[in-house]
C-alpha atoms as a PDB file:
ATOM      1  CA  UNK A   1    -161.395  40.330 101.609  1.00  0.00           C
ATOM      2  CA  UNK A   2    -160.680  37.796  98.878  1.00  0.00           C
ATOM      3  CA  UNK A   3    -160.968  34.731 101.097  1.00  0.00           C
ATOM      4  CA  UNK A   4    -163.865  33.160  99.200  1.00  0.00           C
ATOM      5  CA  UNK A   5    -166.703  34.006 101.581  1.00  0.00           C
ATOM      6  CA  UNK A   6    -169.292  34.392  98.837  1.00  0.00           C
ATOM      7  CA  UNK A   7    -168.257  31.197  97.048  1.00  0.00           C
ATOM      8  CA  UNK A   8    -168.297  29.123 100.222  1.00  0.00           C
ATOM      9  CA  UNK A   9    -171.533  30.742 101.383  1.00  0.00           C
ATOM     10  CA  UNK A  10    -173.379  29.917  98.173  1.00  0.00           C
ATOM     11  CA  UNK A  11    -172.095  26.325  98.155  1.00  0.00           C
ATOM     12  CA  UNK A  12    -172.974  25.807 101.806  1.00  0.00           C
ATOM     13  CA  UNK A  13    -176.465  27.277 101.375  1.00  0.00           C
ATOM     14  CA  UNK A  14    -177.085  25.016  98.391  1.00  0.00           C
ATOM     15  CA  UNK A  15    -175.901  21.913 100.267  1.00  0.00           C
ATOM     16  CA  UNK A  16    -178.075  22.786 103.279  1.00  0.00           C
ATOM     17  CA  UNK A  17    -181.097  23.754 101.153  1.00  0.00           C
ATOM     18  CA  UNK A  18    -181.148  27.221 102.721  1.00  0.00           C
ATOM     19  CA  UNK A  19    -181.443  30.712 101.331  1.00  0.00           C
ATOM     20  CA  UNK A  20    -178.242  32.657 100.789  1.00  0.00           C
ATOM     21  CA  UNK A  21    -177.717  36.275 101.845  1.00  0.00           C
ATOM     22  CA  UNK A  22    -174.745  38.477 101.030  1.00  0.00           C
ATOM     23  CA  UNK A  23    -174.453  41.460 103.364  1.00  0.00           C
ATOM     24  CA  UNK A  24    -172.605  43.564 100.781  1.00  0.00           C
ATOM     25  CA  UNK A  25    -175.381  42.929  98.236  1.00  0.00           C
ATOM     26  CA  UNK A  26    -177.938  43.922 100.869  1.00  0.00           C
ATOM     27  CA  UNK A  27    -176.041  47.165 101.461  1.00  0.00           C
ATOM     28  CA  UNK A  28    -175.972  47.931  97.743  1.00  0.00           C
ATOM     29  CA  UNK A  29    -179.698  47.238  97.465  1.00  0.00           C
ATOM     30  CA  UNK A  30    -180.544  49.433 100.450  1.00  0.00           C
ATOM     31  CA  UNK A  31    -178.407  52.383  99.353  1.00  0.00           C
ATOM     32  CA  UNK A  32    -178.828  52.084  95.589  1.00  0.00           C
ATOM     33  CA  UNK A  33    -175.032  52.379  95.259  1.00  0.00           C
ATOM     34  CA  UNK A  34    -172.183  49.966  94.713  1.00  0.00           C
ATOM     35  CA  UNK A  35    -169.779  49.379  97.581  1.00  0.00           C
ATOM     36  CA  UNK A  36    -167.143  51.391  95.682  1.00  0.00           C
ATOM     37  CA  UNK A  37    -169.564  54.303  95.234  1.00  0.00           C
ATOM     38  CA  UNK A  38    -170.505  54.235  98.908  1.00  0.00           C
ATOM     39  CA  UNK A  39    -166.852  54.389  99.968  1.00  0.00           C
ATOM     40  CA  UNK A  40    -165.959  57.176  97.521  1.00  0.00           C
ATOM     41  CA  UNK A  41    -169.109  59.269  98.066  1.00  0.00           C
ATOM     42  CA  UNK A  42    -169.971  58.657 101.715  1.00  0.00           C
ATOM     43  CA  UNK A  43    -166.872  57.070 103.263  1.00  0.00           C
ATOM     44  CA  UNK A  44    -166.139  54.016 105.349  1.00  0.00           C
ATOM     45  CA  UNK A  45    -167.864  55.315 108.502  1.00  0.00           C
ATOM     46  CA  UNK A  46    -171.180  55.589 106.626  1.00  0.00           C
ATOM     47  CA  UNK A  47    -170.653  52.157 105.042  1.00  0.00           C
ATOM     48  CA  UNK A  48    -169.996  50.565 108.449  1.00  0.00           C
ATOM     49  CA  UNK A  49    -173.133  52.174 109.912  1.00  0.00           C
ATOM     50  CA  UNK A  50    -175.322  50.739 107.141  1.00  0.00           C
ATOM     51  CA  UNK A  51    -173.539  47.407 107.489  1.00  0.00           C
ATOM     52  CA  UNK A  52    -174.216  47.343 111.262  1.00  0.00           C
ATOM     53  CA  UNK A  53    -177.857  48.324 110.757  1.00  0.00           C
ATOM     54  CA  UNK A  54    -178.516  45.556 108.244  1.00  0.00           C
ATOM     55  CA  UNK A  55    -176.586  42.990 110.264  1.00  0.00           C
ATOM     56  CA  UNK A  56    -178.816  43.746 113.235  1.00  0.00           C
ATOM     57  CA  UNK A  57    -181.921  43.176 111.094  1.00  0.00           C
ATOM     58  CA  UNK A  58    -180.971  39.640 110.049  1.00  0.00           C
ATOM     59  CA  UNK A  59    -183.284  37.326 111.950  1.00  0.00           C
ATOM     60  CA  UNK A  60    -181.208  34.900 114.031  1.00  0.00           C
ATOM     61  CA  UNK A  61    -184.096  32.409 113.865  1.00  0.00           C
ATOM     62  CA  UNK A  62    -183.937  32.294 110.055  1.00  0.00           C
ATOM     63  CA  UNK A  63    -182.495  29.335 108.224  1.00  0.00           C
ATOM     64  CA  UNK A  64    -180.024  30.834 105.791  1.00  0.00           C
ATOM     65  CA  UNK A  65    -176.354  31.259 105.151  1.00  0.00           C
ATOM     66  CA  UNK A  66    -174.984  34.796 105.284  1.00  0.00           C
ATOM     67  CA  UNK A  67    -171.709  36.013 103.782  1.00  0.00           C
ATOM     68  CA  UNK A  68    -170.284  39.035 105.525  1.00  0.00           C
ATOM     69  CA  UNK A  69    -167.708  41.511 104.309  1.00  0.00           C
ATOM     70  CA  UNK A  70    -164.275  41.151 105.903  1.00  0.00           C
ATOM     71  CA  UNK A  71    -164.785  44.142 108.203  1.00  0.00           C
ATOM     72  CA  UNK A  72    -168.286  43.198 109.352  1.00  0.00           C
ATOM     73  CA  UNK A  73    -167.284  41.192 112.441  1.00  0.00           C
ATOM     74  CA  UNK A  74    -164.720  43.778 113.537  1.00  0.00           C
ATOM     75  CA  UNK A  75    -166.537  45.514 116.346  1.00  0.00           C
ATOM     76  CA  UNK A  76    -167.711  44.191 119.685  1.00  0.00           C
ATOM     77  CA  UNK A  77    -171.336  44.916 118.774  1.00  0.00           C
ATOM     78  CA  UNK A  78    -171.115  43.155 115.415  1.00  0.00           C
ATOM     79  CA  UNK A  79    -169.269  40.096 116.677  1.00  0.00           C
ATOM     80  CA  UNK A  80    -171.923  39.724 119.378  1.00  0.00           C
ATOM     81  CA  UNK A  81    -174.694  39.870 116.746  1.00  0.00           C
ATOM     82  CA  UNK A  82    -172.889  37.305 114.632  1.00  0.00           C
ATOM     83  CA  UNK A  83    -172.176  34.924 117.503  1.00  0.00           C
ATOM     84  CA  UNK A  84    -175.733  35.124 118.827  1.00  0.00           C
ATOM     85  CA  UNK A  85    -177.195  34.563 115.360  1.00  0.00           C
ATOM     86  CA  UNK A  86    -175.829  31.118 114.611  1.00  0.00           C
ATOM     87  CA  UNK A  87    -172.635  29.384 113.582  1.00  0.00           C
ATOM     88  CA  UNK A  88    -169.799  31.567 112.396  1.00  0.00           C
ATOM     89  CA  UNK A  89    -166.977  30.534 110.091  1.00  0.00           C
ATOM     90  CA  UNK A  90    -163.636  32.242 109.549  1.00  0.00           C
ATOM     91  CA  UNK A  91    -162.132  31.378 106.172  1.00  0.00           C
ATOM     92  CA  UNK A  92    -158.437  31.605 106.876  1.00  0.00           C
ATOM     93  CA  UNK A  93    -156.151  32.152 103.895  1.00  0.00           C
ATOM     94  CA  UNK A  94    -152.457  32.945 103.752  1.00  0.00           C
ATOM     95  CA  UNK A  95    -151.317  36.463 102.988  1.00  0.00           C
ATOM     96  CA  UNK A  96    -149.763  35.210  99.753  1.00  0.00           C
ATOM     97  CA  UNK A  97    -153.029  33.672  98.550  1.00  0.00           C
ATOM     98  CA  UNK A  98    -154.958  36.830  99.429  1.00  0.00           C
ATOM     99  CA  UNK A  99    -152.380  38.986  97.646  1.00  0.00           C
ATOM    100  CA  UNK A 100    -152.648  36.847  94.531  1.00  0.00           C
ATOM    101  CA  UNK A 101    -156.434  37.079  94.497  1.00  0.00           C
ATOM    102  CA  UNK A 102    -156.671  40.778  95.309  1.00  0.00           C
ATOM    103  CA  UNK A 103    -153.880  42.044  93.099  1.00  0.00           C
ATOM    104  CA  UNK A 104    -155.939  41.758  89.921  1.00  0.00           C
ATOM    105  CA  UNK A 105    -159.196  42.949  91.473  1.00  0.00           C
ATOM    106  CA  UNK A 106    -158.116  46.190  93.107  1.00  0.00           C
ATOM    107  CA  UNK A 107    -160.500  48.341  91.062  1.00  0.00           C
ATOM    108  CA  UNK A 108    -163.460  46.439  92.520  1.00  0.00           C
ATOM    109  CA  UNK A 109    -162.313  46.982  96.101  1.00  0.00           C
ATOM    110  CA  UNK A 110    -162.338  50.548  97.379  1.00  0.00           C
ATOM    111  CA  UNK A 111    -160.017  49.981 100.325  1.00  0.00           C
ATOM    112  CA  UNK A 112    -157.205  48.781  98.038  1.00  0.00           C
ATOM    113  CA  UNK A 113    -157.989  50.430  94.688  1.00  0.00           C
ATOM    114  CA  UNK A 114    -155.026  52.814  94.756  1.00  0.00           C
ATOM    115  CA  UNK A 115    -152.401  50.603  96.400  1.00  0.00           C
ATOM    116  CA  UNK A 116    -149.224  49.440  94.670  1.00  0.00           C
ATOM    117  CA  UNK A 117    -148.040  45.867  95.280  1.00  0.00           C
ATOM    118  CA  UNK A 118    -145.888  46.760  98.290  1.00  0.00           C
ATOM    119  CA  UNK A 119    -148.687  48.735  99.920  1.00  0.00           C
ATOM    120  CA  UNK A 120    -151.202  45.986  99.119  1.00  0.00           C
ATOM    121  CA  UNK A 121    -149.039  43.410 100.888  1.00  0.00           C
ATOM    122  CA  UNK A 122    -148.699  45.761 103.872  1.00  0.00           C
ATOM    123  CA  UNK A 123    -152.461  46.406 103.885  1.00  0.00           C
ATOM    124  CA  UNK A 124    -153.229  42.669 103.894  1.00  0.00           C
ATOM    125  CA  UNK A 125    -150.779  41.985 106.706  1.00  0.00           C
ATOM    126  CA  UNK A 126    -151.923  44.887 108.875  1.00  0.00           C
ATOM    127  CA  UNK A 127    -155.622  44.274 108.239  1.00  0.00           C
ATOM    128  CA  UNK A 128    -155.362  40.589 109.148  1.00  0.00           C
ATOM    129  CA  UNK A 129    -153.389  41.472 112.256  1.00  0.00           C
ATOM    130  CA  UNK A 130    -155.975  44.063 113.343  1.00  0.00           C
ATOM    131  CA  UNK A 131    -158.976  41.819 112.644  1.00  0.00           C
ATOM    132  CA  UNK A 132    -157.632  38.513 113.939  1.00  0.00           C
ATOM    133  CA  UNK A 133    -159.021  38.994 117.459  1.00  0.00           C
ATOM    134  CA  UNK A 134    -162.519  39.084 115.948  1.00  0.00           C
ATOM    135  CA  UNK A 135    -161.996  36.419 113.287  1.00  0.00           C
ATOM    136  CA  UNK A 136    -160.672  33.907 115.804  1.00  0.00           C
ATOM    137  CA  UNK A 137    -163.920  34.097 117.771  1.00  0.00           C
ATOM    138  CA  UNK A 138    -165.611  32.126 114.973  1.00  0.00           C
ATOM    139  CA  UNK A 139    -167.146  28.759 115.788  1.00  0.00           C
ATOM    140  CA  UNK A 140    -165.203  27.178 112.930  1.00  0.00           C
ATOM    141  CA  UNK A 141    -161.929  28.161 111.327  1.00  0.00           C
ATOM    142  CA  UNK A 142    -161.562  26.814 107.819  1.00  0.00           C
ATOM    143  CA  UNK A 143    -158.151  26.651 106.168  1.00  0.00           C
ATOM    144  CA  UNK A 144    -158.721  25.770 102.528  1.00  0.00           C
ATOM    145  CA  UNK A 145    -155.072  24.820 102.109  1.00  0.00           C
ATOM    146  CA  UNK A 146    -155.654  21.920 104.528  1.00  0.00           C
ATOM    147  CA  UNK A 147    -158.975  20.603 103.167  1.00  0.00           C
ATOM    148  CA  UNK A 148    -161.052  21.275 100.085  1.00  0.00           C
ATOM    149  CA  UNK A 149    -164.439  23.007  99.942  1.00  0.00           C
ATOM    150  CA  UNK A 150    -166.374  19.751  99.662  1.00  0.00           C
ATOM    151  CA  UNK A 151    -164.828  18.215 102.777  1.00  0.00           C
ATOM    152  CA  UNK A 152    -165.434  21.318 104.857  1.00  0.00           C
ATOM    153  CA  UNK A 153    -169.001  21.777 103.613  1.00  0.00           C
ATOM    154  CA  UNK A 154    -169.734  18.153 104.519  1.00  0.00           C
ATOM    155  CA  UNK A 155    -168.292  18.742 107.998  1.00  0.00           C
ATOM    156  CA  UNK A 156    -170.507  21.787 108.548  1.00  0.00           C
ATOM    157  CA  UNK A 157    -173.557  20.036 107.087  1.00  0.00           C
ATOM    158  CA  UNK A 158    -173.088  17.044 109.384  1.00  0.00           C
ATOM    159  CA  UNK A 159    -172.576  19.336 112.378  1.00  0.00           C
ATOM    160  CA  UNK A 160    -175.757  21.299 111.693  1.00  0.00           C
ATOM    161  CA  UNK A 161    -177.940  18.273 111.038  1.00  0.00           C
END
């Protein structure tokens, strides 16, 4: 959450000349609800079931770039779908950077909407810790603090071609 998945995904798709898919947008289209509405009306378990269903429908033979929500790879079934569908990228950001980005956008994010700053920092730390075993299975780990978007996108483009 807040790592820049959508921004990187769009830029990478454009550079590769491929279509871009955003799993959260697909979920909103399928359900006719925003992510926030889904969480408040149906809960996270329902959201994750729709997320898993749509992830399984993405054709691994397709030539597109897909941005996933931060929790999407966090089950054995989902990480298998992701790994068998193509290259996976983990955008690794520091807890401080994520806090700075998320602090002003809490209303847009149902999992953190009601957290104060202390609880938000704890949430970020605990969530990263819990999800790391899935994130680190990615084919590429990108640390923006070490290289810029353009450099990384060129690396991925050269690797794919």
